[in-house]
């Protein structure tokens, strides 16, 4: 186990380094001067600021400086917001983004899995057809359209919930539903397919021949083996939630990282954009690392080499 953990750590570090390196050079390829974007008429001051932040240095020097700061967990200072470090932005606003993603996972994943189990158990029936129709519609509708519909119905027409902001739990309900419904659809579809596939395996037929009850077979054999493949996708789902929440944050005026991520690209704020991308990469890689360890522990058939 120790050897496996060390190997996974080395792979994770290499992955983060590769992402940071690629993103550094891609962002530096963006045309324009970040200080001219903020103040188009002040060319002289813009050049002075470029020198002050070392943006006129050779690219390899900027890269080495960036990697040195990254090793010390320092993402640098924003170019668009004077005196504001990227670390401070992450510390202040990431908890909001994380809360939104966590609430969506808590609601969406169990609900989707449960609906998938029910749908597979009633294959071809009205419940199964209704569930499949729901998943198709939810998957086809973009999150920003769904957000507008929920705002119109729950806020404007019914007046049940606030249409935006982030000052109380009630303000989190609609944006959480927007993200959770996508998870419900994907997990329902995946769980239904896996349940039907596992249901055709020989060991389930053997369990039935031994006289085990339907509930015992479904819970301890069918569900247990069908749910394992879903665990391996948790890391990618976290990445999808973080990226998806940026759009939702913009729509509902939520003070998360999404606002800074979007504006940093428009303002050519190199350090902010690069810092947020690398930070998200660290979160996703760490999530995948934990998922790999958990998967090896809960499934005795997986051999950790």
C-alpha atoms as a PDB file:
ATOM      1  CA  UNK A   1       0.000   0.000   0.000  1.00  0.00           C
ATOM      2  CA  UNK A   2       2.814   2.436   0.876  1.00  0.00           C
ATOM      3  CA  UNK A   3       4.470   1.796  -2.497  1.00  0.00           C
ATOM      4  CA  UNK A   4       1.195   2.368  -4.301  1.00  0.00           C
ATOM      5  CA  UNK A   5       0.532   5.630  -2.425  1.00  0.00           C
ATOM      6  CA  UNK A   6       4.036   6.902  -3.233  1.00  0.00           C
ATOM      7  CA  UNK A   7       3.580   6.015  -6.896  1.00  0.00           C
ATOM      8  CA  UNK A   8       0.229   7.796  -7.042  1.00  0.00           C
ATOM      9  CA  UNK A   9       1.708  10.858  -5.326  1.00  0.00           C
ATOM     10  CA  UNK A  10       4.509  11.062  -7.882  1.00  0.00           C
ATOM     11  CA  UNK A  11       2.016  10.750 -10.733  1.00  0.00           C
ATOM     12  CA  UNK A  12      -0.163  13.452  -9.160  1.00  0.00           C
ATOM     13  CA  UNK A  13       2.759  15.854  -8.767  1.00  0.00           C
ATOM     14  CA  UNK A  14       3.851  15.221 -12.365  1.00  0.00           C
ATOM     15  CA  UNK A  15       0.296  15.847 -13.569  1.00  0.00           C
ATOM     16  CA  UNK A  16       0.055  19.163 -11.718  1.00  0.00           C
ATOM     17  CA  UNK A  17       3.469  20.230 -13.075  1.00  0.00           C
ATOM     18  CA  UNK A  18       2.410  19.398 -16.645  1.00  0.00           C
ATOM     19  CA  UNK A  19      -0.872  21.309 -16.303  1.00  0.00           C
ATOM     20  CA  UNK A  20       0.857  24.312 -14.747  1.00  0.00           C
ATOM     21  CA  UNK A  21       3.527  24.372 -17.473  1.00  0.00           C
ATOM     22  CA  UNK A  22       1.098  24.062 -20.383  1.00  0.00           C
ATOM     23  CA  UNK A  23      -1.270  26.672 -18.958  1.00  0.00           C
ATOM     24  CA  UNK A  24       1.596  29.076 -18.230  1.00  0.00           C
ATOM     25  CA  UNK A  25       2.729  29.169 -21.856  1.00  0.00           C
ATOM     26  CA  UNK A  26      -0.806  29.189 -23.267  1.00  0.00           C
ATOM     27  CA  UNK A  27      -1.818  32.160 -21.117  1.00  0.00           C
ATOM     28  CA  UNK A  28       1.375  34.025 -22.018  1.00  0.00           C
ATOM     29  CA  UNK A  29       0.459  33.596 -25.684  1.00  0.00           C
ATOM     30  CA  UNK A  30      -2.613  35.794 -25.233  1.00  0.00           C
ATOM     31  CA  UNK A  31      -2.072  39.030 -27.153  1.00  0.00           C
ATOM     32  CA  UNK A  32      -2.201  42.397 -25.474  1.00  0.00           C
ATOM     33  CA  UNK A  33      -0.976  44.258 -22.428  1.00  0.00           C
ATOM     34  CA  UNK A  34      -2.991  43.629 -19.236  1.00  0.00           C
ATOM     35  CA  UNK A  35      -2.413  47.176 -17.990  1.00  0.00           C
ATOM     36  CA  UNK A  36      -3.521  48.749 -21.266  1.00  0.00           C
ATOM     37  CA  UNK A  37      -6.779  46.780 -20.985  1.00  0.00           C
ATOM     38  CA  UNK A  38      -7.412  48.442 -17.627  1.00  0.00           C
ATOM     39  CA  UNK A  39      -6.331  51.925 -18.794  1.00  0.00           C
ATOM     40  CA  UNK A  40      -5.993  52.230 -22.603  1.00  0.00           C
ATOM     41  CA  UNK A  41      -4.784  55.855 -22.520  1.00  0.00           C
ATOM     42  CA  UNK A  42      -1.918  55.410 -20.058  1.00  0.00           C
ATOM     43  CA  UNK A  43       0.735  53.689 -22.212  1.00  0.00           C
ATOM     44  CA  UNK A  44       3.736  54.959 -20.233  1.00  0.00           C
ATOM     45  CA  UNK A  45       2.449  53.724 -16.895  1.00  0.00           C
ATOM     46  CA  UNK A  46       1.502  50.402 -18.471  1.00  0.00           C
ATOM     47  CA  UNK A  47       5.091  49.782 -19.560  1.00  0.00           C
ATOM     48  CA  UNK A  48       6.371  50.667 -16.092  1.00  0.00           C
ATOM     49  CA  UNK A  49       3.960  48.168 -14.551  1.00  0.00           C
ATOM     50  CA  UNK A  50       5.085  45.503 -17.037  1.00  0.00           C
ATOM     51  CA  UNK A  51       8.656  46.029 -15.832  1.00  0.00           C
ATOM     52  CA  UNK A  52       7.576  46.098 -12.186  1.00  0.00           C
ATOM     53  CA  UNK A  53       5.793  42.736 -12.435  1.00  0.00           C
ATOM     54  CA  UNK A  54       8.603  41.228 -14.523  1.00  0.00           C
ATOM     55  CA  UNK A  55       6.408  40.673 -17.570  1.00  0.00           C
ATOM     56  CA  UNK A  56       9.079  42.098 -19.873  1.00  0.00           C
ATOM     57  CA  UNK A  57      11.632  39.536 -18.661  1.00  0.00           C
ATOM     58  CA  UNK A  58      12.524  36.590 -20.902  1.00  0.00           C
ATOM     59  CA  UNK A  59       9.804  33.945 -20.843  1.00  0.00           C
ATOM     60  CA  UNK A  60      12.070  31.307 -19.299  1.00  0.00           C
ATOM     61  CA  UNK A  61      12.825  33.630 -16.376  1.00  0.00           C
ATOM     62  CA  UNK A  62       9.121  34.235 -15.827  1.00  0.00           C
ATOM     63  CA  UNK A  63       8.513  30.478 -15.936  1.00  0.00           C
ATOM     64  CA  UNK A  64      11.217  29.707 -13.357  1.00  0.00           C
ATOM     65  CA  UNK A  65       9.891  32.452 -11.098  1.00  0.00           C
ATOM     66  CA  UNK A  66       6.372  31.062 -11.441  1.00  0.00           C
ATOM     67  CA  UNK A  67       7.463  27.502 -10.631  1.00  0.00           C
ATOM     68  CA  UNK A  68       9.461  28.712  -7.615  1.00  0.00           C
ATOM     69  CA  UNK A  69       6.396  30.534  -6.294  1.00  0.00           C
ATOM     70  CA  UNK A  70       4.246  27.467  -7.002  1.00  0.00           C
ATOM     71  CA  UNK A  71       6.535  25.213  -4.956  1.00  0.00           C
ATOM     72  CA  UNK A  72       6.031  27.620  -2.050  1.00  0.00           C
ATOM     73  CA  UNK A  73       2.239  27.600  -2.643  1.00  0.00           C
ATOM     74  CA  UNK A  74       2.340  31.230  -3.721  1.00  0.00           C
ATOM     75  CA  UNK A  75       0.201  32.029  -6.783  1.00  0.00           C
ATOM     76  CA  UNK A  76       1.330  35.643  -6.962  1.00  0.00           C
ATOM     77  CA  UNK A  77      -0.535  38.949  -7.066  1.00  0.00           C
ATOM     78  CA  UNK A  78      -3.371  39.949  -9.338  1.00  0.00           C
ATOM     79  CA  UNK A  79      -2.508  42.313 -12.183  1.00  0.00           C
ATOM     80  CA  UNK A  80      -6.012  43.760 -12.370  1.00  0.00           C
ATOM     81  CA  UNK A  81      -6.623  44.164  -8.626  1.00  0.00           C
ATOM     82  CA  UNK A  82      -3.674  46.024  -7.123  1.00  0.00           C
ATOM     83  CA  UNK A  83      -2.386  44.523  -3.882  1.00  0.00           C
ATOM     84  CA  UNK A  84      -4.731  41.525  -4.047  1.00  0.00           C
ATOM     85  CA  UNK A  85      -2.990  38.158  -3.963  1.00  0.00           C
ATOM     86  CA  UNK A  86      -4.453  35.130  -5.721  1.00  0.00           C
ATOM     87  CA  UNK A  87      -4.083  33.162  -2.481  1.00  0.00           C
ATOM     88  CA  UNK A  88      -6.353  35.645  -0.676  1.00  0.00           C
ATOM     89  CA  UNK A  89      -8.981  35.341  -3.411  1.00  0.00           C
ATOM     90  CA  UNK A  90      -8.925  31.546  -3.193  1.00  0.00           C
ATOM     91  CA  UNK A  91      -9.143  31.548   0.600  1.00  0.00           C
ATOM     92  CA  UNK A  92     -12.046  33.993   0.608  1.00  0.00           C
ATOM     93  CA  UNK A  93     -14.146  32.748  -2.310  1.00  0.00           C
ATOM     94  CA  UNK A  94     -13.375  29.058  -2.810  1.00  0.00           C
ATOM     95  CA  UNK A  95     -15.487  28.016   0.224  1.00  0.00           C
ATOM     96  CA  UNK A  96     -18.546  29.443  -1.572  1.00  0.00           C
ATOM     97  CA  UNK A  97     -17.806  27.489  -4.753  1.00  0.00           C
ATOM     98  CA  UNK A  98     -17.044  24.360  -2.714  1.00  0.00           C
ATOM     99  CA  UNK A  99     -20.283  24.703  -0.724  1.00  0.00           C
ATOM    100  CA  UNK A 100     -22.319  24.985  -3.911  1.00  0.00           C
ATOM    101  CA  UNK A 101     -20.627  21.936  -5.454  1.00  0.00           C
ATOM    102  CA  UNK A 102     -20.920  19.910  -2.224  1.00  0.00           C
ATOM    103  CA  UNK A 103     -24.630  20.639  -1.842  1.00  0.00           C
ATOM    104  CA  UNK A 104     -25.211  19.610  -5.448  1.00  0.00           C
ATOM    105  CA  UNK A 105     -23.333  16.331  -4.914  1.00  0.00           C
ATOM    106  CA  UNK A 106     -25.182  15.535  -1.684  1.00  0.00           C
ATOM    107  CA  UNK A 107     -28.525  15.961  -3.435  1.00  0.00           C
ATOM    108  CA  UNK A 108     -27.743  14.838  -6.970  1.00  0.00           C
ATOM    109  CA  UNK A 109     -25.658  11.682  -6.550  1.00  0.00           C
ATOM    110  CA  UNK A 110     -27.843   9.733  -4.063  1.00  0.00           C
ATOM    111  CA  UNK A 111     -31.034  10.796  -5.853  1.00  0.00           C
ATOM    112  CA  UNK A 112     -29.674   9.753  -9.243  1.00  0.00           C
ATOM    113  CA  UNK A 113     -28.458   6.400  -7.946  1.00  0.00           C
ATOM    114  CA  UNK A 114     -31.798   5.694  -6.252  1.00  0.00           C
ATOM    115  CA  UNK A 115     -33.772   6.565  -9.390  1.00  0.00           C
ATOM    116  CA  UNK A 116     -31.447   4.380 -11.458  1.00  0.00           C
ATOM    117  CA  UNK A 117     -32.031   1.425  -9.132  1.00  0.00           C
ATOM    118  CA  UNK A 118     -35.813   1.916  -9.217  1.00  0.00           C
ATOM    119  CA  UNK A 119     -35.788   2.336 -13.001  1.00  0.00           C
ATOM    120  CA  UNK A 120     -33.772  -0.848 -13.522  1.00  0.00           C
ATOM    121  CA  UNK A 121     -36.040  -2.787 -11.162  1.00  0.00           C
ATOM    122  CA  UNK A 122     -39.106  -1.715 -13.140  1.00  0.00           C
ATOM    123  CA  UNK A 123     -37.622  -1.997 -16.598  1.00  0.00           C
ATOM    124  CA  UNK A 124     -40.091  -1.215 -19.367  1.00  0.00           C
ATOM    125  CA  UNK A 125     -42.718   0.076 -16.962  1.00  0.00           C
ATOM    126  CA  UNK A 126     -44.189   3.531 -16.545  1.00  0.00           C
ATOM    127  CA  UNK A 127     -41.688   4.480 -13.843  1.00  0.00           C
ATOM    128  CA  UNK A 128     -38.768   3.421 -16.042  1.00  0.00           C
ATOM    129  CA  UNK A 129     -40.048   5.336 -19.078  1.00  0.00           C
ATOM    130  CA  UNK A 130     -40.771   8.445 -17.000  1.00  0.00           C
ATOM    131  CA  UNK A 131     -37.312   8.364 -15.442  1.00  0.00           C
ATOM    132  CA  UNK A 132     -35.612   7.974 -18.812  1.00  0.00           C
ATOM    133  CA  UNK A 133     -37.617  10.869 -20.236  1.00  0.00           C
ATOM    134  CA  UNK A 134     -36.617  13.017 -17.260  1.00  0.00           C
ATOM    135  CA  UNK A 135     -32.924  12.194 -17.678  1.00  0.00           C
ATOM    136  CA  UNK A 136     -33.028  12.948 -21.414  1.00  0.00           C
ATOM    137  CA  UNK A 137     -34.695  16.318 -20.885  1.00  0.00           C
ATOM    138  CA  UNK A 138     -32.378  17.289 -18.045  1.00  0.00           C
ATOM    139  CA  UNK A 139     -29.297  16.308 -20.034  1.00  0.00           C
ATOM    140  CA  UNK A 140     -30.450  18.173 -23.141  1.00  0.00           C
ATOM    141  CA  UNK A 141     -31.285  21.449 -21.388  1.00  0.00           C
ATOM    142  CA  UNK A 142     -28.212  23.678 -20.760  1.00  0.00           C
ATOM    143  CA  UNK A 143     -27.625  24.781 -17.170  1.00  0.00           C
ATOM    144  CA  UNK A 144     -28.153  28.469 -17.957  1.00  0.00           C
ATOM    145  CA  UNK A 145     -31.546  27.730 -19.542  1.00  0.00           C
ATOM    146  CA  UNK A 146     -32.532  25.588 -16.574  1.00  0.00           C
ATOM    147  CA  UNK A 147     -31.421  28.383 -14.246  1.00  0.00           C
ATOM    148  CA  UNK A 148     -33.613  30.898 -16.071  1.00  0.00           C
ATOM    149  CA  UNK A 149     -36.618  28.561 -15.930  1.00  0.00           C
ATOM    150  CA  UNK A 150     -36.193  27.897 -12.201  1.00  0.00           C
ATOM    151  CA  UNK A 151     -35.784  31.614 -11.511  1.00  0.00           C
ATOM    152  CA  UNK A 152     -38.940  32.385 -13.485  1.00  0.00           C
ATOM    153  CA  UNK A 153     -41.052  29.692 -11.808  1.00  0.00           C
ATOM    154  CA  UNK A 154     -39.759  29.602  -8.226  1.00  0.00           C
ATOM    155  CA  UNK A 155     -38.844  33.263  -7.805  1.00  0.00           C
ATOM    156  CA  UNK A 156     -40.858  35.446 -10.171  1.00  0.00           C
ATOM    157  CA  UNK A 157     -44.115  33.514 -10.493  1.00  0.00           C
ATOM    158  CA  UNK A 158     -44.376  31.713  -7.142  1.00  0.00           C
ATOM    159  CA  UNK A 159     -42.161  33.984  -5.034  1.00  0.00           C
ATOM    160  CA  UNK A 160     -40.881  31.047  -3.003  1.00  0.00           C
ATOM    161  CA  UNK A 161     -37.135  31.635  -3.267  1.00  0.00           C
ATOM    162  CA  UNK A 162     -34.728  34.498  -4.007  1.00  0.00           C
ATOM    163  CA  UNK A 163     -33.626  34.838  -7.629  1.00  0.00           C
ATOM    164  CA  UNK A 164     -29.997  35.622  -6.784  1.00  0.00           C
ATOM    165  CA  UNK A 165     -27.451  36.481  -4.129  1.00  0.00           C
ATOM    166  CA  UNK A 166     -25.790  34.434  -1.407  1.00  0.00           C
ATOM    167  CA  UNK A 167     -26.821  35.708   2.020  1.00  0.00           C
ATOM    168  CA  UNK A 168     -28.834  32.789   3.425  1.00  0.00           C
ATOM    169  CA  UNK A 169     -29.521  29.108   2.835  1.00  0.00           C
ATOM    170  CA  UNK A 170     -32.640  29.997   0.835  1.00  0.00           C
ATOM    171  CA  UNK A 171     -30.408  31.769  -1.699  1.00  0.00           C
ATOM    172  CA  UNK A 172     -28.480  28.529  -2.313  1.00  0.00           C
ATOM    173  CA  UNK A 173     -31.466  26.339  -3.183  1.00  0.00           C
ATOM    174  CA  UNK A 174     -32.077  27.275  -6.834  1.00  0.00           C
ATOM    175  CA  UNK A 175     -28.393  27.259  -7.927  1.00  0.00           C
ATOM    176  CA  UNK A 176     -27.901  23.975  -6.084  1.00  0.00           C
ATOM    177  CA  UNK A 177     -30.860  22.458  -7.950  1.00  0.00           C
ATOM    178  CA  UNK A 178     -29.414  23.640 -11.280  1.00  0.00           C
ATOM    179  CA  UNK A 179     -26.209  21.694 -10.665  1.00  0.00           C
ATOM    180  CA  UNK A 180     -27.855  18.756  -8.875  1.00  0.00           C
ATOM    181  CA  UNK A 181     -30.315  17.968 -11.676  1.00  0.00           C
ATOM    182  CA  UNK A 182     -27.443  17.303 -14.063  1.00  0.00           C
ATOM    183  CA  UNK A 183     -25.938  14.859 -11.563  1.00  0.00           C
ATOM    184  CA  UNK A 184     -29.313  13.184 -11.071  1.00  0.00           C
ATOM    185  CA  UNK A 185     -29.662  12.600 -14.801  1.00  0.00           C
ATOM    186  CA  UNK A 186     -26.140  11.224 -15.361  1.00  0.00           C
ATOM    187  CA  UNK A 187     -26.151   8.946 -12.302  1.00  0.00           C
ATOM    188  CA  UNK A 188     -29.657   7.692 -12.976  1.00  0.00           C
ATOM    189  CA  UNK A 189     -28.744   6.724 -16.529  1.00  0.00           C
ATOM    190  CA  UNK A 190     -25.427   5.141 -15.518  1.00  0.00           C
ATOM    191  CA  UNK A 191     -26.837   3.267 -12.515  1.00  0.00           C
ATOM    192  CA  UNK A 192     -29.729   1.866 -14.537  1.00  0.00           C
ATOM    193  CA  UNK A 193     -27.349   0.546 -17.210  1.00  0.00           C
ATOM    194  CA  UNK A 194     -24.975  -0.952 -14.648  1.00  0.00           C
ATOM    195  CA  UNK A 195     -27.798  -2.589 -12.688  1.00  0.00           C
ATOM    196  CA  UNK A 196     -29.099  -4.253 -15.829  1.00  0.00           C
ATOM    197  CA  UNK A 197     -25.607  -5.434 -16.813  1.00  0.00           C
ATOM    198  CA  UNK A 198     -24.859  -6.842 -13.367  1.00  0.00           C
ATOM    199  CA  UNK A 199     -28.271  -8.502 -13.319  1.00  0.00           C
ATOM    200  CA  UNK A 200     -27.155 -10.781 -16.149  1.00  0.00           C
ATOM    201  CA  UNK A 201     -24.031 -12.029 -14.380  1.00  0.00           C
ATOM    202  CA  UNK A 202     -23.708 -15.700 -13.444  1.00  0.00           C
ATOM    203  CA  UNK A 203     -23.097 -15.053  -9.745  1.00  0.00           C
ATOM    204  CA  UNK A 204     -26.537 -13.439  -9.439  1.00  0.00           C
ATOM    205  CA  UNK A 205     -28.142 -16.426 -11.083  1.00  0.00           C
ATOM    206  CA  UNK A 206     -26.279 -18.632  -8.605  1.00  0.00           C
ATOM    207  CA  UNK A 207     -27.523 -16.499  -5.707  1.00  0.00           C
ATOM    208  CA  UNK A 208     -31.092 -16.889  -6.937  1.00  0.00           C
ATOM    209  CA  UNK A 209     -30.606 -20.644  -7.269  1.00  0.00           C
ATOM    210  CA  UNK A 210     -29.447 -20.778  -3.637  1.00  0.00           C
ATOM    211  CA  UNK A 211     -32.759 -19.306  -2.562  1.00  0.00           C
ATOM    212  CA  UNK A 212     -31.543 -15.881  -1.400  1.00  0.00           C
ATOM    213  CA  UNK A 213     -34.259 -13.260  -1.088  1.00  0.00           C
ATOM    214  CA  UNK A 214     -34.740 -10.655  -3.793  1.00  0.00           C
ATOM    215  CA  UNK A 215     -33.898  -7.830  -1.400  1.00  0.00           C
ATOM    216  CA  UNK A 216     -30.653  -9.492  -0.276  1.00  0.00           C
ATOM    217  CA  UNK A 217     -29.601 -10.201  -3.850  1.00  0.00           C
ATOM    218  CA  UNK A 218     -30.366  -6.640  -4.957  1.00  0.00           C
ATOM    219  CA  UNK A 219     -28.699  -4.851  -2.028  1.00  0.00           C
ATOM    220  CA  UNK A 220     -25.673  -7.028  -1.268  1.00  0.00           C
ATOM    221  CA  UNK A 221     -24.843  -8.297  -4.743  1.00  0.00           C
ATOM    222  CA  UNK A 222     -26.382  -6.264  -7.537  1.00  0.00           C
ATOM    223  CA  UNK A 223     -26.184  -2.717  -6.118  1.00  0.00           C
ATOM    224  CA  UNK A 224     -22.801  -3.277  -4.467  1.00  0.00           C
ATOM    225  CA  UNK A 225     -21.173  -4.345  -7.727  1.00  0.00           C
ATOM    226  CA  UNK A 226     -23.040  -1.886  -9.945  1.00  0.00           C
ATOM    227  CA  UNK A 227     -22.106   1.169  -7.889  1.00  0.00           C
ATOM    228  CA  UNK A 228     -18.334   0.575  -7.968  1.00  0.00           C
ATOM    229  CA  UNK A 229     -17.725   1.971 -11.493  1.00  0.00           C
ATOM    230  CA  UNK A 230     -19.479   5.199 -10.491  1.00  0.00           C
ATOM    231  CA  UNK A 231     -16.875   5.831  -7.812  1.00  0.00           C
ATOM    232  CA  UNK A 232     -14.082   6.117 -10.378  1.00  0.00           C
ATOM    233  CA  UNK A 233     -15.854   9.078 -12.003  1.00  0.00           C
ATOM    234  CA  UNK A 234     -16.050  11.200  -8.846  1.00  0.00           C
ATOM    235  CA  UNK A 235     -12.837  13.072  -9.642  1.00  0.00           C
ATOM    236  CA  UNK A 236     -14.088  14.100 -13.072  1.00  0.00           C
ATOM    237  CA  UNK A 237     -17.467  15.028 -11.604  1.00  0.00           C
ATOM    238  CA  UNK A 238     -15.780  17.374  -9.146  1.00  0.00           C
ATOM    239  CA  UNK A 239     -14.032  19.079 -12.058  1.00  0.00           C
ATOM    240  CA  UNK A 240     -17.317  19.316 -13.945  1.00  0.00           C
ATOM    241  CA  UNK A 241     -19.077  20.790 -10.926  1.00  0.00           C
ATOM    242  CA  UNK A 242     -16.386  23.413 -10.380  1.00  0.00           C
ATOM    243  CA  UNK A 243     -16.478  24.483 -14.020  1.00  0.00           C
ATOM    244  CA  UNK A 244     -20.267  24.282 -14.184  1.00  0.00           C
ATOM    245  CA  UNK A 245     -20.649  26.286 -11.004  1.00  0.00           C
ATOM    246  CA  UNK A 246     -18.748  29.196 -12.606  1.00  0.00           C
ATOM    247  CA  UNK A 247     -21.631  29.705 -15.033  1.00  0.00           C
ATOM    248  CA  UNK A 248     -24.222  29.330 -12.274  1.00  0.00           C
ATOM    249  CA  UNK A 249     -22.317  31.760 -10.047  1.00  0.00           C
ATOM    250  CA  UNK A 250     -22.443  34.365 -12.798  1.00  0.00           C
ATOM    251  CA  UNK A 251     -26.188  33.914 -13.335  1.00  0.00           C
ATOM    252  CA  UNK A 252     -27.126  34.051  -9.646  1.00  0.00           C
ATOM    253  CA  UNK A 253     -24.532  36.678  -8.596  1.00  0.00           C
ATOM    254  CA  UNK A 254     -22.830  34.237  -6.247  1.00  0.00           C
ATOM    255  CA  UNK A 255     -19.525  35.488  -4.763  1.00  0.00           C
ATOM    256  CA  UNK A 256     -17.419  32.478  -5.730  1.00  0.00           C
ATOM    257  CA  UNK A 257     -14.298  31.895  -7.770  1.00  0.00           C
ATOM    258  CA  UNK A 258     -16.263  31.925 -11.001  1.00  0.00           C
ATOM    259  CA  UNK A 259     -16.433  35.713 -11.144  1.00  0.00           C
ATOM    260  CA  UNK A 260     -12.681  36.054 -10.803  1.00  0.00           C
ATOM    261  CA  UNK A 261     -11.981  33.243 -13.238  1.00  0.00           C
ATOM    262  CA  UNK A 262     -14.115  34.781 -15.986  1.00  0.00           C
ATOM    263  CA  UNK A 263     -12.967  38.374 -15.462  1.00  0.00           C
ATOM    264  CA  UNK A 264      -9.297  37.354 -15.250  1.00  0.00           C
ATOM    265  CA  UNK A 265      -9.436  36.117 -18.855  1.00  0.00           C
ATOM    266  CA  UNK A 266     -11.177  39.262 -20.107  1.00  0.00           C
ATOM    267  CA  UNK A 267      -8.737  41.507 -18.234  1.00  0.00           C
ATOM    268  CA  UNK A 268      -5.627  39.498 -19.236  1.00  0.00           C
ATOM    269  CA  UNK A 269      -4.927  38.998 -15.538  1.00  0.00           C
ATOM    270  CA  UNK A 270      -2.281  36.334 -16.119  1.00  0.00           C
ATOM    271  CA  UNK A 271      -1.509  35.538 -12.503  1.00  0.00           C
ATOM    272  CA  UNK A 272      -5.148  35.300 -11.432  1.00  0.00           C
ATOM    273  CA  UNK A 273      -6.181  33.094 -14.358  1.00  0.00           C
ATOM    274  CA  UNK A 274      -3.144  30.841 -14.030  1.00  0.00           C
ATOM    275  CA  UNK A 275      -3.434  30.584 -10.255  1.00  0.00           C
ATOM    276  CA  UNK A 276      -7.102  29.589 -10.375  1.00  0.00           C
ATOM    277  CA  UNK A 277      -6.492  27.007 -13.120  1.00  0.00           C
ATOM    278  CA  UNK A 278      -3.609  25.411 -11.218  1.00  0.00           C
ATOM    279  CA  UNK A 279      -5.576  25.469  -7.962  1.00  0.00           C
ATOM    280  CA  UNK A 280      -8.491  23.708  -9.611  1.00  0.00           C
ATOM    281  CA  UNK A 281      -6.074  21.171 -11.095  1.00  0.00           C
ATOM    282  CA  UNK A 282      -4.736  20.468  -7.602  1.00  0.00           C
ATOM    283  CA  UNK A 283      -8.281  19.923  -6.289  1.00  0.00           C
ATOM    284  CA  UNK A 284      -9.193  17.544  -9.126  1.00  0.00           C
ATOM    285  CA  UNK A 285      -5.928  15.578  -8.936  1.00  0.00           C
ATOM    286  CA  UNK A 286      -6.285  15.275  -5.163  1.00  0.00           C
ATOM    287  CA  UNK A 287      -9.872  14.074  -5.567  1.00  0.00           C
ATOM    288  CA  UNK A 288      -8.790  11.436  -8.098  1.00  0.00           C
ATOM    289  CA  UNK A 289      -6.006  10.325  -5.773  1.00  0.00           C
ATOM    290  CA  UNK A 290      -8.437   9.832  -2.883  1.00  0.00           C
ATOM    291  CA  UNK A 291     -10.952   8.062  -5.129  1.00  0.00           C
ATOM    292  CA  UNK A 292      -8.283   5.610  -6.318  1.00  0.00           C
ATOM    293  CA  UNK A 293      -7.385   4.750  -2.729  1.00  0.00           C
ATOM    294  CA  UNK A 294     -11.014   4.365  -1.672  1.00  0.00           C
ATOM    295  CA  UNK A 295     -11.790   2.188  -4.700  1.00  0.00           C
ATOM    296  CA  UNK A 296      -8.924  -0.144  -3.824  1.00  0.00           C
ATOM    297  CA  UNK A 297     -10.161  -0.444  -0.254  1.00  0.00           C
ATOM    298  CA  UNK A 298     -13.864  -1.071  -0.873  1.00  0.00           C
ATOM    299  CA  UNK A 299     -13.429  -3.539  -3.727  1.00  0.00           C
ATOM    300  CA  UNK A 300     -11.401  -6.579  -2.622  1.00  0.00           C
ATOM    301  CA  UNK A 301     -11.096  -7.717  -6.244  1.00  0.00           C
ATOM    302  CA  UNK A 302      -8.850  -4.729  -7.027  1.00  0.00           C
ATOM    303  CA  UNK A 303      -5.207  -5.571  -6.471  1.00  0.00           C
ATOM    304  CA  UNK A 304      -3.032  -2.627  -5.536  1.00  0.00           C
ATOM    305  CA  UNK A 305       0.336  -3.061  -7.211  1.00  0.00           C
END
